[in-house]
PDB file of N, CA and C in Angstrom:
ATOM      1  N   GLY A   1       4.253-101.527  31.105  1.00  0.00           N
ATOM      2  CA  GLY A   1       5.380-102.205  30.521  1.00  0.00           C
ATOM      3  C   GLY A   1       4.876-103.409  30.294  1.00  0.00           C
ATOM      4  N   SER A   2       5.845-104.279  29.608  1.00  0.00           N
ATOM      5  CA  SER A   2       5.431-105.518  29.126  1.00  0.00           C
ATOM      6  C   SER A   2       5.385-106.427  30.528  1.00  0.00           C
ATOM      7  N   ARG A   3       6.333-106.003  31.313  1.00  0.00           N
ATOM      8  CA  ARG A   3       6.243-107.105  32.502  1.00  0.00           C
ATOM      9  C   ARG A   3       4.702-106.972  33.225  1.00  0.00           C
ATOM     10  N   LEU A   4       4.486-106.175  32.962  1.00  0.00           N
ATOM     11  CA  LEU A   4       2.706-106.008  34.044  1.00  0.00           C
ATOM     12  C   LEU A   4       1.782-106.382  33.039  1.00  0.00           C
ATOM     13  N   GLY A   5       1.900-106.627  31.861  1.00  0.00           N
ATOM     14  CA  GLY A   5       0.919-106.831  30.960  1.00  0.00           C
ATOM     15  C   GLY A   5       0.187-108.241  31.095  1.00  0.00           C
ATOM     16  N   ARG A   6       0.972-109.141  31.204  1.00  0.00           N
ATOM     17  CA  ARG A   6       0.470-110.625  31.558  1.00  0.00           C
ATOM     18  C   ARG A   6      -0.247-110.726  32.800  1.00  0.00           C
ATOM     19  N   PRO A   7       0.349-110.306  34.107  1.00  0.00           N
ATOM     20  CA  PRO A   7      -0.647-110.200  35.295  1.00  0.00           C
ATOM     21  C   PRO A   7      -1.663-109.399  35.377  1.00  0.00           C
ATOM     22  N   LEU A   8      -1.771-108.355  34.535  1.00  0.00           N
ATOM     23  CA  LEU A   8      -2.601-107.692  34.724  1.00  0.00           C
ATOM     24  C   LEU A   8      -3.914-108.087  33.581  1.00  0.00           C
ATOM     25  N   ASP A   9      -3.785-108.404  32.464  1.00  0.00           N
ATOM     26  CA  ASP A   9      -4.182-109.595  32.012  1.00  0.00           C
ATOM     27  C   ASP A   9      -5.161-110.753  32.583  1.00  0.00           C
ATOM     28  N   ALA A  10      -4.134-111.266  33.608  1.00  0.00           N
ATOM     29  CA  ALA A  10      -4.870-112.690  34.228  1.00  0.00           C
ATOM     30  C   ALA A  10      -5.796-112.095  35.775  1.00  0.00           C
ATOM     31  N   ALA A  11      -5.205-110.989  35.786  1.00  0.00           N
ATOM     32  CA  ALA A  11      -6.178-110.652  37.093  1.00  0.00           C
ATOM     33  C   ALA A  11      -7.478-110.020  36.410  1.00  0.00           C
ATOM     34  N   THR A  12      -7.468-109.240  35.478  1.00  0.00           N
ATOM     35  CA  THR A  12      -8.951-108.894  34.906  1.00  0.00           C
ATOM     36  C   THR A  12      -9.324-110.046  34.343  1.00  0.00           C
ATOM     37  N   ALA A  13      -9.112-111.259  33.531  1.00  0.00           N
ATOM     38  CA  ALA A  13      -9.722-112.285  33.322  1.00  0.00           C
ATOM     39  C   ALA A  13     -10.341-112.983  34.500  1.00  0.00           C
ATOM     40  N   ALA A  14      -9.484-113.118  35.674  1.00  0.00           N
ATOM     41  CA  ALA A  14     -10.235-113.689  36.692  1.00  0.00           C
ATOM     42  C   ALA A  14     -11.155-112.722  37.631  1.00  0.00           C
ATOM     43  N   ILE A  15     -11.084-111.658  37.496  1.00  0.00           N
ATOM     44  CA  ILE A  15     -12.518-110.842  37.891  1.00  0.00           C
ATOM     45  C   ILE A  15     -13.779-111.209  36.965  1.00  0.00           C
ATOM     46  N   ALA A  16     -13.322-110.881  35.629  1.00  0.00           N
ATOM     47  CA  ALA A  16     -14.574-111.214  34.758  1.00  0.00           C
ATOM     48  C   ALA A  16     -14.870-112.533  34.905  1.00  0.00           C
ATOM     49  N   THR A  17     -14.091-113.703  35.210  1.00  0.00           N
ATOM     50  CA  THR A  17     -14.688-115.043  35.795  1.00  0.00           C
ATOM     51  C   THR A  17     -15.520-115.163  36.479  1.00  0.00           C
ATOM     52  N   VAL A  18     -15.373-114.442  37.613  1.00  0.00           N
ATOM     53  CA  VAL A  18     -15.810-113.996  39.109  1.00  0.00           C
ATOM     54  C   VAL A  18     -17.161-113.293  38.619  1.00  0.00           C
ATOM     55  N   ALA A  19     -17.470-112.386  37.800  1.00  0.00           N
ATOM     56  CA  ALA A  19     -18.492-111.717  37.694  1.00  0.00           C
ATOM     57  C   ALA A  19     -19.506-112.905  36.552  1.00  0.00           C
ATOM     58  N   ALA A  20     -18.831-113.298  35.915  1.00  0.00           N
ATOM     59  CA  ALA A  20     -19.771-114.326  34.848  1.00  0.00           C
ATOM     60  C   ALA A  20     -20.227-115.551  35.484  1.00  0.00           C
ATOM     61  N   VAL A  21     -19.704-115.786  36.586  1.00  0.00           N
ATOM     62  CA  VAL A  21     -19.980-117.082  37.098  1.00  0.00           C
ATOM     63  C   VAL A  21     -21.226-116.367  38.148  1.00  0.00           C
ATOM     64  N   VAL A  22     -21.087-115.387  38.959  1.00  0.00           N
ATOM     65  CA  VAL A  22     -21.958-114.725  39.721  1.00  0.00           C
ATOM     66  C   VAL A  22     -23.290-114.803  38.969  1.00  0.00           C
ATOM     67  N   THR A  23     -23.110-114.131  37.754  1.00  0.00           N
ATOM     68  CA  THR A  23     -24.517-113.995  36.817  1.00  0.00           C
ATOM     69  C   THR A  23     -24.977-115.196  36.367  1.00  0.00           C
ATOM     70  N   ALA A  24     -23.991-116.350  36.120  1.00  0.00           N
ATOM     71  CA  ALA A  24     -24.934-117.464  35.820  1.00  0.00           C
ATOM     72  C   ALA A  24     -25.516-118.111  37.420  1.00  0.00           C
ATOM     73  N   TRP A  25     -25.005-117.964  38.191  1.00  0.00           N
ATOM     74  CA  TRP A  25     -25.436-118.675  39.481  1.00  0.00           C
ATOM     75  C   TRP A  25     -26.913-117.680  39.474  1.00  0.00           C
ATOM     76  N   LEU A  26     -27.048-116.377  39.847  1.00  0.00           N
ATOM     77  CA  LEU A  26     -28.361-115.627  39.760  1.00  0.00           C
ATOM     78  C   LEU A  26     -29.269-116.032  38.421  1.00  0.00           C
ATOM     79  N   SER A  27     -28.786-116.301  37.144  1.00  0.00           N
ATOM     80  CA  SER A  27     -29.629-116.586  35.872  1.00  0.00           C
ATOM     81  C   SER A  27     -30.496-118.025  36.551  1.00  0.00           C
ATOM     82  N   ALA A  28     -29.457-118.864  36.970  1.00  0.00           N
ATOM     83  CA  ALA A  28     -29.900-120.438  37.135  1.00  0.00           C
ATOM     84  C   ALA A  28     -31.049-120.273  38.404  1.00  0.00           C
ATOM     85  N   SER A  29     -31.124-119.365  39.443  1.00  0.00           N
ATOM     86  CA  SER A  29     -31.939-118.939  40.312  1.00  0.00           C
ATOM     87  C   SER A  29     -33.180-118.437  39.901  1.00  0.00           C
ATOM     88  N   PHE A  30     -32.827-117.686  38.851  1.00  0.00           N
ATOM     89  CA  PHE A  30     -34.127-116.837  38.027  1.00  0.00           C
ATOM     90  C   PHE A  30     -34.865-117.845  37.268  1.00  0.00           C
ATOM     91  N   TRP A  31     -34.101-118.739  36.826  1.00  0.00           N
ATOM     92  CA  TRP A  31     -34.456-119.887  35.643  1.00  0.00           C
ATOM     93  C   TRP A  31     -35.327-120.860  36.566  1.00  0.00           C
ATOM     94  N   HIS A  32     -34.698-121.351  37.658  1.00  0.00           N
ATOM     95  CA  HIS A  32     -35.519-122.245  38.442  1.00  0.00           C
ATOM     96  C   HIS A  32     -36.776-121.798  39.154  1.00  0.00           C
ATOM     97  N   ASP A  33     -36.628-120.521  39.280  1.00  0.00           N
ATOM     98  CA  ASP A  33     -38.111-119.714  40.071  1.00  0.00           C
ATOM     99  C   ASP A  33     -39.091-119.891  38.846  1.00  0.00           C
ATOM    100  N   ALA A  34     -38.913-119.357  37.789  1.00  0.00           N
ATOM    101  CA  ALA A  34     -39.772-119.475  36.900  1.00  0.00           C
ATOM    102  C   ALA A  34     -40.181-120.845  36.678  1.00  0.00           C
ATOM    103  N   TRP A  35     -39.397-121.968  36.431  1.00  0.00           N
ATOM    104  CA  TRP A  35     -39.622-123.429  36.213  1.00  0.00           C
ATOM    105  C   TRP A  35     -40.737-123.851  37.264  1.00  0.00           C
ATOM    106  N   ALA A  36     -40.286-123.734  38.394  1.00  0.00           N
ATOM    107  CA  ALA A  36     -40.925-124.084  39.580  1.00  0.00           C
ATOM    108  C   ALA A  36     -42.549-123.602  39.792  1.00  0.00           C
ATOM    109  N   THR A  37     -42.121-122.540  39.314  1.00  0.00           N
ATOM    110  CA  THR A  37     -43.664-121.632  39.718  1.00  0.00           C
ATOM    111  C   THR A  37     -44.872-121.739  38.501  1.00  0.00           C
ATOM    112  N   GLY A  38     -44.189-121.881  37.454  1.00  0.00           N
ATOM    113  CA  GLY A  38     -44.949-122.089  36.488  1.00  0.00           C
ATOM    114  C   GLY A  38     -45.476-120.925  35.611  1.00  0.00           C
ATOM    115  N   GLU A  39     -44.521-119.784  35.777  1.00  0.00           N
ATOM    116  CA  GLU A  39     -44.679-118.316  35.617  1.00  0.00           C
ATOM    117  C   GLU A  39     -44.908-118.131  34.026  1.00  0.00           C
ATOM    118  N   GLN A  40     -46.111-117.493  33.794  1.00  0.00           N
ATOM    119  CA  GLN A  40     -46.200-117.223  32.257  1.00  0.00           C
ATOM    120  C   GLN A  40     -46.050-115.975  31.971  1.00  0.00           C
ATOM    121  N   ASP A  41     -45.689-115.838  30.850  1.00  0.00           N
ATOM    122  CA  ASP A  41     -45.643-114.417  29.788  1.00  0.00           C
ATOM    123  C   ASP A  41     -47.481-113.956  30.091  1.00  0.00           C
ATOM    124  N   TRP A  42     -47.847-112.692  30.100  1.00  0.00           N
ATOM    125  CA  TRP A  42     -49.160-112.428  29.909  1.00  0.00           C
ATOM    126  C   TRP A  42     -49.480-111.436  28.824  1.00  0.00           C
ATOM    127  N   GLY A  43     -48.649-112.015  27.762  1.00  0.00           N
ATOM    128  CA  GLY A  43     -49.090-111.361  26.466  1.00  0.00           C
ATOM    129  C   GLY A  43     -49.722-112.145  25.678  1.00  0.00           C
ATOM    130  N   MET A  44     -49.836-111.971  24.320  1.00  0.00           N
ATOM    131  CA  MET A  44     -51.076-112.566  23.249  1.00  0.00           C
ATOM    132  C   MET A  44     -50.276-114.293  23.570  1.00  0.00           C
ATOM    133  N   PHE A  45     -49.130-114.598  23.704  1.00  0.00           N
ATOM    134  CA  PHE A  45     -48.943-116.199  23.512  1.00  0.00           C
ATOM    135  C   PHE A  45     -48.884-116.664  24.890  1.00  0.00           C
ATOM    136  N   SER A  46     -48.848-116.071  25.934  1.00  0.00           N
ATOM    137  CA  SER A  46     -48.633-116.785  27.041  1.00  0.00           C
ATOM    138  C   SER A  46     -47.935-117.945  27.183  1.00  0.00           C
ATOM    139  N   ILE A  47     -46.169-117.702  26.977  1.00  0.00           N
ATOM    140  CA  ILE A  47     -45.554-118.783  27.034  1.00  0.00           C
ATOM    141  C   ILE A  47     -44.901-119.007  28.404  1.00  0.00           C
ATOM    142  N   GLN A  48     -44.478-120.156  28.751  1.00  0.00           N
ATOM    143  CA  GLN A  48     -43.933-120.772  29.948  1.00  0.00           C
ATOM    144  C   GLN A  48     -42.531-119.774  30.014  1.00  0.00           C
ATOM    145  N   LEU A  49     -42.179-119.184  30.864  1.00  0.00           N
ATOM    146  CA  LEU A  49     -41.061-117.996  30.871  1.00  0.00           C
ATOM    147  C   LEU A  49     -39.903-118.792  31.709  1.00  0.00           C
ATOM    148  N   TRP A  50     -39.806-119.868  31.676  1.00  0.00           N
ATOM    149  CA  TRP A  50     -38.706-120.632  32.059  1.00  0.00           C
ATOM    150  C   TRP A  50     -38.032-121.041  30.435  1.00  0.00           C
ATOM    151  N   ILE A  51     -38.823-120.884  29.496  1.00  0.00           N
ATOM    152  CA  ILE A  51     -38.219-121.297  28.096  1.00  0.00           C
ATOM    153  C   ILE A  51     -37.077-120.229  27.788  1.00  0.00           C
ATOM    154  N   PRO A  52     -37.474-119.053  27.655  1.00  0.00           N
ATOM    155  CA  PRO A  52     -36.656-117.979  26.952  1.00  0.00           C
ATOM    156  C   PRO A  52     -35.536-117.513  28.317  1.00  0.00           C
ATOM    157  N   TYR A  53     -35.964-117.726  29.191  1.00  0.00           N
ATOM    158  CA  TYR A  53     -34.883-117.614  30.622  1.00  0.00           C
ATOM    159  C   TYR A  53     -33.814-118.623  30.497  1.00  0.00           C
ATOM    160  N   LEU A  54     -34.079-120.014  29.996  1.00  0.00           N
ATOM    161  CA  LEU A  54     -33.042-120.822  29.513  1.00  0.00           C
ATOM    162  C   LEU A  54     -31.773-120.255  28.977  1.00  0.00           C
ATOM    163  N   SER A  55     -32.313-119.396  27.704  1.00  0.00           N
ATOM    164  CA  SER A  55     -31.189-119.039  27.026  1.00  0.00           C
ATOM    165  C   SER A  55     -30.068-118.302  27.560  1.00  0.00           C
ATOM    166  N   LEU A  56     -30.666-117.240  28.511  1.00  0.00           N
ATOM    167  CA  LEU A  56     -29.937-116.753  29.637  1.00  0.00           C
ATOM    168  C   LEU A  56     -29.092-117.537  30.431  1.00  0.00           C
ATOM    169  N   LEU A  57     -29.481-118.513  30.751  1.00  0.00           N
ATOM    170  CA  LEU A  57     -29.058-119.131  31.676  1.00  0.00           C
ATOM    171  C   LEU A  57     -27.768-119.977  30.797  1.00  0.00           C
ATOM    172  N   VAL A  58     -28.142-120.638  29.851  1.00  0.00           N
ATOM    173  CA  VAL A  58     -26.983-121.081  28.704  1.00  0.00           C
ATOM    174  C   VAL A  58     -25.756-120.201  28.316  1.00  0.00           C
ATOM    175  N   GLY A  59     -26.201-119.106  28.147  1.00  0.00           N
ATOM    176  CA  GLY A  59     -25.254-118.090  27.532  1.00  0.00           C
ATOM    177  C   GLY A  59     -24.571-117.367  28.682  1.00  0.00           C
ATOM    178  N   THR A  60     -24.728-117.367  29.921  1.00  0.00           N
ATOM    179  CA  THR A  60     -23.761-117.063  30.932  1.00  0.00           C
ATOM    180  C   THR A  60     -23.102-118.185  31.331  1.00  0.00           C
ATOM    181  N   ILE A  61     -23.502-119.297  31.160  1.00  0.00           N
ATOM    182  CA  ILE A  61     -22.768-120.516  31.490  1.00  0.00           C
ATOM    183  C   ILE A  61     -21.524-120.741  30.265  1.00  0.00           C
ATOM    184  N   LEU A  62     -21.744-120.275  29.263  1.00  0.00           N
ATOM    185  CA  LEU A  62     -20.848-120.500  28.296  1.00  0.00           C
ATOM    186  C   LEU A  62     -19.845-119.381  28.459  1.00  0.00           C
ATOM    187  N   LEU A  63     -20.231-118.114  28.816  1.00  0.00           N
ATOM    188  CA  LEU A  63     -19.086-116.954  29.169  1.00  0.00           C
ATOM    189  C   LEU A  63     -18.446-117.141  30.321  1.00  0.00           C
ATOM    190  N   ALA A  64     -19.032-118.021  31.355  1.00  0.00           N
ATOM    191  CA  ALA A  64     -18.099-118.362  32.513  1.00  0.00           C
ATOM    192  C   ALA A  64     -17.277-119.341  32.202  1.00  0.00           C
ATOM    193  N   ALA A  65     -17.597-120.223  31.340  1.00  0.00           N
ATOM    194  CA  ALA A  65     -16.501-121.376  31.169  1.00  0.00           C
ATOM    195  C   ALA A  65     -15.487-120.866  29.970  1.00  0.00           C
ATOM    196  N   ILE A  66     -15.701-120.246  28.987  1.00  0.00           N
ATOM    197  CA  ILE A  66     -14.996-119.260  28.219  1.00  0.00           C
ATOM    198  C   ILE A  66     -13.830-118.330  28.960  1.00  0.00           C
ATOM    199  N   LEU A  67     -14.247-117.528  29.783  1.00  0.00           N
ATOM    200  CA  LEU A  67     -13.366-117.092  30.726  1.00  0.00           C
ATOM    201  C   LEU A  67     -12.858-117.538  31.576  1.00  0.00           C
ATOM    202  N   ALA A  68     -13.106-118.716  32.134  1.00  0.00           N
ATOM    203  CA  ALA A  68     -12.258-119.509  33.045  1.00  0.00           C
ATOM    204  C   ALA A  68     -11.387-120.238  32.351  1.00  0.00           C
ATOM    205  N   LEU A  69     -11.984-120.650  31.135  1.00  0.00           N
ATOM    206  CA  LEU A  69     -10.321-121.410  30.316  1.00  0.00           C
ATOM    207  C   LEU A  69      -9.237-119.865  29.763  1.00  0.00           C
ATOM    208  N   ARG A  70      -9.674-119.034  29.434  1.00  0.00           N
ATOM    209  CA  ARG A  70      -8.744-117.770  29.652  1.00  0.00           C
ATOM    210  C   ARG A  70      -8.003-117.613  30.514  1.00  0.00           C
ATOM    211  N   THR A  71      -8.668-117.604  31.742  1.00  0.00           N
ATOM    212  CA  THR A  71      -7.908-117.089  32.976  1.00  0.00           C
ATOM    213  C   THR A  71      -6.892-118.057  33.092  1.00  0.00           C
ATOM    214  N   LEU A  72      -7.339-119.859  33.121  1.00  0.00           N
ATOM    215  CA  LEU A  72      -6.149-120.789  33.004  1.00  0.00           C
ATOM    216  C   LEU A  72      -5.289-120.574  32.173  1.00  0.00           C
ATOM    217  N   LEU A  73      -5.463-120.180  30.893  1.00  0.00           N
ATOM    218  CA  LEU A  73      -4.283-120.212  30.181  1.00  0.00           C
ATOM    219  C   LEU A  73      -3.338-119.111  30.246  1.00  0.00           C
ATOM    220  N   LEU A  74      -3.874-117.973  30.904  1.00  0.00           N
ATOM    221  CA  LEU A  74      -2.974-117.257  31.426  1.00  0.00           C
ATOM    222  C   LEU A  74      -2.247-117.034  32.504  1.00  0.00           C
ATOM    223  N   VAL A  75      -2.867-118.212  33.459  1.00  0.00           N
ATOM    224  CA  VAL A  75      -2.085-118.135  34.778  1.00  0.00           C
ATOM    225  C   VAL A  75      -1.079-119.662  34.835  1.00  0.00           C
ATOM    226  N   LEU A  76      -1.431-120.233  33.767  1.00  0.00           N
ATOM    227  CA  LEU A  76      -0.578-121.499  33.845  1.00  0.00           C
ATOM    228  C   LEU A  76       0.786-121.025  33.136  1.00  0.00           C
ATOM    229  N   PRO A  77       1.622-121.874  33.620  1.00  0.00           N
ATOM    230  CA  PRO A  77       3.385-121.428  32.895  1.00  0.00           C
ATOM    231  C   PRO A  77       2.905-121.646  31.198  1.00  0.00           C
ATOM    232  N   PRO A  78       4.193-121.512  30.534  1.00  0.00           N
ATOM    233  CA  PRO A  78       4.124-121.544  29.002  1.00  0.00           C
ATOM    234  C   PRO A  78       4.090-122.921  28.612  1.00  0.00           C
ATOM    235  N   ALA A  79       4.674-124.162  29.335  1.00  0.00           N
ATOM    236  CA  ALA A  79       4.673-125.156  28.987  1.00  0.00           C
ATOM    237  C   ALA A  79       3.232-125.983  29.086  1.00  0.00           C
ATOM    238  N   TRP A  80       2.676-125.549  29.730  1.00  0.00           N
ATOM    239  CA  TRP A  80       1.353-126.234  30.123  1.00  0.00           C
ATOM    240  C   TRP A  80      -0.135-125.394  29.313  1.00  0.00           C
ATOM    241  N   GLY A  81       0.419-124.609  28.270  1.00  0.00           N
ATOM    242  CA  GLY A  81      -0.463-124.249  27.194  1.00  0.00           C
ATOM    243  C   GLY A  81      -0.639-122.713  27.311  1.00  0.00           C
ATOM    244  N   GLY A  82      -0.135-121.964  28.481  1.00  0.00           N
ATOM    245  CA  GLY A  82       0.080-120.282  28.403  1.00  0.00           C
ATOM    246  C   GLY A  82       0.904-119.847  27.279  1.00  0.00           C
ATOM    247  N   GLN A  83       0.839-118.702  26.976  1.00  0.00           N
ATOM    248  CA  GLN A  83       1.727-117.903  26.310  1.00  0.00           C
ATOM    249  C   GLN A  83       3.091-117.217  26.742  1.00  0.00           C
ATOM    250  N   ALA A  84       4.168-117.502  26.448  1.00  0.00           N
ATOM    251  CA  ALA A  84       5.596-117.144  26.881  1.00  0.00           C
ATOM    252  C   ALA A  84       5.554-115.451  27.279  1.00  0.00           C
ATOM    253  N   GLY A  85       5.193-114.949  26.559  1.00  0.00           N
ATOM    254  CA  GLY A  85       5.106-113.203  27.010  1.00  0.00           C
ATOM    255  C   GLY A  85       3.942-112.472  26.765  1.00  0.00           C
ATOM    256  N   GLY A  86       2.782-113.400  26.563  1.00  0.00           N
ATOM    257  CA  GLY A  86       1.283-112.782  26.304  1.00  0.00           C
ATOM    258  C   GLY A  86       1.332-111.828  25.262  1.00  0.00           C
ATOM    259  N   ALA A  87       0.345-111.313  25.006  1.00  0.00           N
ATOM    260  CA  ALA A  87      -0.066-110.426  23.608  1.00  0.00           C
ATOM    261  C   ALA A  87       1.255-109.070  23.689  1.00  0.00           C
ATOM    262  N   ASP A  88       1.945-108.486  24.659  1.00  0.00           N
ATOM    263  CA  ASP A  88       2.772-107.436  24.598  1.00  0.00           C
ATOM    264  C   ASP A  88       3.885-108.459  23.782  1.00  0.00           C
ATOM    265  N   ALA A  89       4.520-109.638  23.939  1.00  0.00           N
ATOM    266  CA  ALA A  89       5.570-110.177  23.113  1.00  0.00           C
ATOM    267  C   ALA A  89       5.099-110.535  21.841  1.00  0.00           C
ATOM    268  N   GLN A  90       3.853-110.903  21.730  1.00  0.00           N
ATOM    269  CA  GLN A  90       3.580-111.357  20.276  1.00  0.00           C
ATOM    270  C   GLN A  90       3.451-109.900  19.275  1.00  0.00           C
ATOM    271  N   ALA A  91       3.141-108.974  19.785  1.00  0.00           N
ATOM    272  CA  ALA A  91       3.102-107.585  19.023  1.00  0.00           C
ATOM    273  C   ALA A  91       4.810-107.048  18.905  1.00  0.00           C
ATOM    274  N   GLU A  92       5.462-107.393  19.599  1.00  0.00           N
ATOM    275  CA  GLU A  92       6.848-106.940  19.597  1.00  0.00           C
ATOM    276  C   GLU A  92       7.467-107.831  18.550  1.00  0.00           C
ATOM    277  N   GLU A  93       7.326-109.038  18.464  1.00  0.00           N
ATOM    278  CA  GLU A  93       7.837-110.185  17.601  1.00  0.00           C
ATOM    279  C   GLU A  93       7.474-109.796  16.064  1.00  0.00           C
ATOM    280  N   GLN A  94       6.342-109.227  15.795  1.00  0.00           N
ATOM    281  CA  GLN A  94       5.738-109.143  14.385  1.00  0.00           C
ATOM    282  C   GLN A  94       6.655-107.624  13.994  1.00  0.00           C
ATOM    283  N   PRO A  95       6.973-107.678  12.608  1.00  0.00           N
ATOM    284  CA  PRO A  95       7.756-106.635  11.884  1.00  0.00           C
ATOM    285  C   PRO A  95       6.833-105.458  11.430  1.00  0.00           C
ATOM    286  N   ARG A  96       7.347-104.439  11.601  1.00  0.00           N
ATOM    287  CA  ARG A  96       6.441-103.311  11.551  1.00  0.00           C
ATOM    288  C   ARG A  96       6.547-102.560  10.210  1.00  0.00           C
TER     289      ARG A  96
END
């Protein structure tokens, strides 16, 4: 029903945010290890591996920030930027 839509959406957004934060934390550890040890690829180009690992770190930080913002918008009351009824209420308002 529509009463469970918003709390369920907020709960799944919170779980996704926690997963993204853990992934960002682990990718930061992964990046720092490659940077501190000077680890290099053993292919033809032999680049420092912290350079490509940095894209993983930046991407997971951005994902965590976006999911955290979504979670906040779902948890906050409508006067603070949240939607009054969530996606279910918007779908009911549109003519069919």
